Protein backbone atom coordinates (compact mmCIF):
# COMPACT_ATOMS: atom_id res chain seq x y z
CA MET A 1 29.44 14.59 -5.00
CA GLN A 2 31.85 13.22 -2.46
CA LYS A 3 33.68 10.16 -3.23
CA GLN A 4 31.91 8.18 -0.61
CA SER A 5 28.34 9.18 -1.99
CA LEU A 6 29.37 8.05 -5.28
CA SER A 7 30.49 4.86 -3.69
CA ASN A 8 27.04 4.57 -2.20
CA GLN A 9 25.33 5.26 -5.40
CA ALA A 10 27.26 2.56 -6.93
CA MET A 11 26.01 -0.01 -3.94
CA ARG A 12 22.48 0.81 -4.79
CA GLU A 13 23.00 0.28 -8.66
CA ILE A 14 24.54 -3.04 -7.88
CA ILE A 15 21.96 -4.08 -5.34
CA SER A 16 19.30 -3.01 -8.17
CA MET A 17 20.79 -5.38 -10.98
CA ILE A 18 20.91 -8.06 -8.32
CA ALA A 19 17.41 -7.52 -7.11
CA ASP A 20 15.91 -7.35 -10.81
CA GLY A 21 17.38 -10.86 -11.63
CA SER A 22 20.27 -9.33 -13.67
CA TYR A 23 22.52 -11.42 -11.67
CA GLY A 24 21.70 -14.62 -9.78
CA VAL A 25 22.96 -16.42 -6.93
CA GLY A 26 26.23 -17.82 -7.37
CA GLU A 27 26.66 -15.70 -10.74
CA ARG A 28 29.81 -13.61 -11.37
CA LEU A 29 29.47 -9.74 -11.52
CA PRO A 30 31.19 -8.37 -14.87
CA ALA A 31 34.75 -7.34 -14.69
CA GLU A 32 35.84 -4.15 -12.97
CA ARG A 33 36.52 -2.16 -16.32
CA ALA A 34 32.96 -3.15 -17.56
CA LEU A 35 31.48 -2.32 -14.44
CA CYS A 36 32.98 0.88 -14.09
CA GLU A 37 32.03 2.12 -17.36
CA HIS A 38 28.29 0.88 -17.00
CA LEU A 39 27.89 2.85 -13.61
CA GLY A 40 30.12 5.89 -14.60
CA ILE A 41 32.28 5.65 -11.78
CA SER A 42 36.24 4.93 -11.24
CA ARG A 43 37.88 1.92 -10.05
CA GLY A 44 38.54 3.19 -6.64
CA THR A 45 34.92 4.03 -6.21
CA LEU A 46 33.88 0.63 -7.77
CA ARG A 47 36.22 -1.10 -5.23
CA LYS A 48 34.80 0.77 -2.14
CA ALA A 49 31.45 -0.34 -3.25
CA LEU A 50 32.28 -3.83 -3.37
CA GLU A 51 33.87 -4.11 -0.40
CA GLY A 52 30.60 -2.35 1.44
CA LEU A 53 28.57 -4.75 -0.48
CA GLU A 54 30.70 -7.57 1.00
CA LYS A 55 30.31 -6.39 4.37
CA LEU A 56 26.62 -6.67 3.95
CA GLY A 57 26.99 -10.39 2.65
CA VAL A 58 25.51 -9.19 -0.68
CA VAL A 59 28.52 -10.44 -2.68
CA SER A 60 31.79 -12.37 -2.26
CA ILE A 61 35.11 -11.10 -3.55
CA ARG A 62 37.39 -14.08 -4.59
CA ALA A 63 41.18 -12.99 -5.26
CA ASN A 64 41.97 -13.88 -8.73
CA SER A 65 38.37 -14.95 -9.76
CA GLY A 66 35.85 -11.98 -9.40
CA VAL A 67 32.88 -10.57 -7.52
CA TYR A 68 30.21 -13.39 -7.13
CA VAL A 69 26.33 -12.80 -5.95
CA ASN A 70 26.09 -14.62 -2.45
CA SER A 71 23.08 -17.04 -1.63
CA LEU A 72 20.99 -16.92 1.55
CA ALA A 73 21.85 -20.54 1.88
CA ASP A 74 25.37 -20.11 2.65
CA ALA A 75 24.62 -18.05 5.63
CA LYS A 76 25.35 -19.64 9.20
CA LEU A 77 22.00 -20.81 10.05
CA THR A 78 21.12 -24.02 11.23
CA GLN A 79 19.32 -26.07 8.47
CA ARG A 80 15.93 -26.44 10.03
CA PHE A 81 15.56 -22.29 9.90
CA LEU A 82 16.22 -22.45 6.26
CA PRO A 83 13.63 -23.37 3.31
CA PRO A 84 14.84 -26.13 0.72
CA GLU A 85 16.06 -23.19 -1.08
CA PHE A 86 16.19 -19.31 -1.18
CA ASP A 87 14.42 -18.83 -4.21
CA SER A 88 11.12 -20.15 -2.72
CA VAL A 89 11.18 -17.17 -0.13
CA ARG A 90 9.52 -13.76 -1.33
CA LEU A 91 9.97 -10.36 0.29
CA GLU A 92 6.17 -10.60 1.14
CA ASP A 93 7.02 -14.00 3.27
CA ILE A 94 9.86 -12.19 5.42
CA ILE A 95 7.47 -8.85 5.75
CA ARG A 96 4.99 -11.14 7.22
CA ALA A 97 7.05 -13.26 9.46
CA ARG A 98 8.56 -9.91 10.84
CA LYS A 99 5.23 -8.50 11.60
CA ALA A 100 4.37 -11.76 13.25
CA ILE A 101 7.38 -11.06 15.39
CA GLU A 102 8.01 -7.43 15.59
CA ILE A 103 4.66 -6.02 16.44
CA PRO A 104 4.22 -7.98 19.51
CA ALA A 105 7.39 -7.39 20.60
CA CYS A 106 6.93 -3.61 20.17
CA CYS A 107 4.05 -3.92 22.42
CA LEU A 108 5.45 -5.74 25.18
CA ALA A 109 8.36 -3.62 24.98
CA CYS A 110 6.29 -0.48 26.00
CA GLU A 111 5.37 -2.30 29.14
CA ARG A 112 8.97 -3.48 29.91
CA ILE A 113 11.82 -1.51 28.18
CA ASP A 114 13.88 0.69 30.59
CA ASP A 115 15.64 3.96 30.08
CA ARG A 116 18.91 2.44 29.08
CA SER A 117 17.25 0.76 26.51
CA LEU A 118 15.56 3.57 25.30
CA ASP A 119 18.83 5.54 25.38
CA ASN A 120 20.47 2.91 23.26
CA LEU A 121 17.63 3.01 20.97
CA GLU A 122 18.13 6.96 20.26
CA HIS A 123 21.95 6.03 19.91
CA LEU A 124 21.12 3.53 17.13
CA VAL A 125 19.12 6.07 15.34
CA GLY A 126 21.69 8.80 15.74
CA GLN A 127 24.27 6.11 13.93
CA MET A 128 21.77 5.95 11.48
CA GLU A 129 21.26 9.50 10.79
CA GLU A 130 25.07 9.76 10.21
CA ALA A 131 25.41 7.16 8.00
CA ILE A 132 22.45 8.37 5.46
CA GLU A 133 24.73 10.33 3.41
CA ASP A 134 27.85 8.28 2.76
CA ASP A 135 27.83 4.93 4.44
CA LEU A 136 25.07 2.50 3.17
CA ALA A 137 26.57 -0.52 4.88
CA SER A 138 26.87 1.22 8.57
CA PHE A 139 23.20 2.30 7.83
CA LEU A 140 21.85 -1.20 7.25
CA LYS A 141 23.83 -2.41 10.15
CA HIS A 142 22.38 -0.01 12.72
CA ASP A 143 19.10 -0.35 11.18
CA MET A 144 19.33 -4.24 12.12
CA LEU A 145 20.55 -3.88 15.46
CA PHE A 146 17.69 -1.11 16.32
CA HIS A 147 14.95 -4.09 15.18
CA GLN A 148 16.89 -6.66 17.24
CA ALA A 149 17.11 -4.14 20.35
CA ILE A 150 13.16 -3.74 20.25
CA VAL A 151 12.52 -7.43 20.27
CA ASN A 152 15.21 -7.68 23.15
CA ALA A 153 13.52 -5.17 25.08
CA SER A 154 10.18 -7.16 25.01
CA GLN A 155 11.89 -9.49 27.19
CA ASN A 156 10.09 -12.54 25.80
CA PRO A 157 12.73 -15.28 24.97
CA VAL A 158 10.53 -16.86 22.21
CA LEU A 159 10.25 -13.65 20.07
CA ALA A 160 13.89 -12.92 20.67
CA ARG A 161 14.75 -16.70 19.43
CA ALA A 162 12.29 -16.15 16.57
CA PHE A 163 13.70 -13.16 15.55
CA GLU A 164 17.15 -14.75 15.49
CA ALA A 165 15.95 -17.42 13.37
CA ILE A 166 14.89 -15.18 10.65
CA TYR A 167 17.82 -12.88 11.02
CA GLU A 168 19.38 -13.46 7.91
CA TYR A 169 16.31 -12.98 6.03
CA HIS A 170 15.74 -9.83 7.46
CA ARG A 171 19.11 -8.65 6.64
CA PHE A 172 18.55 -9.70 2.98
CA SER A 173 15.40 -8.01 2.96
CA SER A 174 16.64 -4.75 4.31
CA VAL A 175 19.58 -4.85 1.78
CA PHE A 176 17.27 -5.30 -1.15
CA THR A 177 14.79 -2.67 -0.01
CA SER A 178 17.47 -0.04 0.14
CA GLN A 179 18.16 0.24 -3.50
CA ARG A 180 15.92 3.63 -4.01
CA GLN A 181 17.47 6.71 -3.02
CA GLY A 182 15.68 8.38 -0.03
CA GLU A 183 14.67 5.18 1.81
CA GLU A 184 16.96 5.44 4.53
CA ARG A 185 15.79 8.78 5.63
CA ILE A 186 12.39 7.26 5.45
CA ALA A 187 13.16 4.23 7.47
CA SER A 188 15.15 6.62 9.83
CA ASP A 189 12.08 8.58 10.64
CA TYR A 190 9.81 5.57 11.23
CA HIS A 191 12.46 4.43 13.88
CA THR A 192 12.59 8.02 15.44
CA HIS A 193 8.87 7.76 15.96
CA LEU A 194 8.79 4.33 17.37
CA VAL A 195 11.37 5.66 20.06
CA ALA A 196 8.87 8.46 20.72
CA ALA A 197 6.13 6.25 21.09
CA LEU A 198 8.20 3.59 23.56
CA ARG A 199 8.94 6.57 25.70
CA LYS A 200 5.10 7.39 25.90
CA ARG A 201 4.53 3.84 26.71
CA ASP A 202 1.85 3.89 23.92
CA ALA A 203 1.29 0.39 22.82
CA SER A 204 -1.45 1.10 20.23
CA LEU A 205 0.80 3.68 18.51
CA CYS A 206 4.05 1.76 18.36
CA GLN A 207 1.97 -1.04 16.75
CA ARG A 208 0.73 1.29 14.36
CA ILE A 209 4.04 2.85 13.57
CA MET A 210 5.86 -0.64 13.14
CA SER A 211 3.05 -1.87 11.10
CA GLU A 212 3.26 1.08 8.63
CA HIS A 213 7.08 0.77 8.58
CA LEU A 214 7.00 -3.11 7.58
CA ASP A 215 4.28 -2.31 5.07
CA HIS A 216 6.12 0.26 3.25
CA MET A 217 8.87 -2.01 2.67
CA GLN A 218 6.26 -4.40 0.53
CA LYS A 219 6.24 -2.09 -2.69
CA TYR A 220 9.62 -3.74 -3.46
CA ASN A 221 9.31 -7.01 -5.47
CA SER A 222 11.10 -9.98 -3.97
CA PRO A 223 14.60 -10.45 -5.07
CA ALA A 224 14.00 -14.20 -5.11
CA LYS A 225 11.17 -13.31 -7.66
CA GLY A 226 12.92 -11.29 -9.82
CA ARG A 227 15.81 -13.88 -10.48
CA THR A 228 13.10 -16.47 -11.21
CA ASN A 229 11.44 -14.48 -13.76
CA ASN A 230 14.71 -13.48 -15.06
CA ARG A 231 15.56 -17.19 -15.46
CA LYS A 232 12.45 -17.59 -17.36
CA LYS A 233 12.84 -15.01 -19.76
CA LYS A 234 16.48 -16.47 -20.66
CA GLU A 235 15.21 -20.01 -21.30
CA ARG A 236 12.30 -18.46 -23.56
CA ALA A 237 14.90 -16.41 -25.21
């Protein structure tokens, strides 16, 4: 296995530890040596994985201090778009909000999208395909851009604004649902089918594919719920 692929695997393992509540918001991850031993990787591979997670906003690396799990409340969103605390938000809540925005946007895009925008969507899928094997951070970045491009193609400013309002929730849901090997390929296939349906101007097909794509993500537990449950277990102990 290539070094970059080992780094990708380490990213997934750390994401999984955060998602299942092992490490909550603001908590420091174990020291490099302990993490390396736990994951069975070298320090170089671990550092590459942590740098990728920092780019995704999952952790913050603080010099001479350690690596800390980030809170969504630290994101640069105006307060009116945020709940009182992120722990009250479930993955199911995020998916429902995305459905309310992205499914109608998909249908409108079938009527209004131009060839240039379709070509851009295909380019983004190509970027995702290139990143599947060895660059999880890049894959998730282009995944986000793809969904944003579809909403923008609807040419509905209200839907576009609504999508911007939940952008950080979307980003975190994408990160936490990427913990299982093979999910990138499944997501990429959904995106390929969406572009094909858009080219056919088939709004009904677009709606079905987008709905199935988002439904597929709901098999994961909410990271917030996992953290809360983990805290309760610690309190009972």
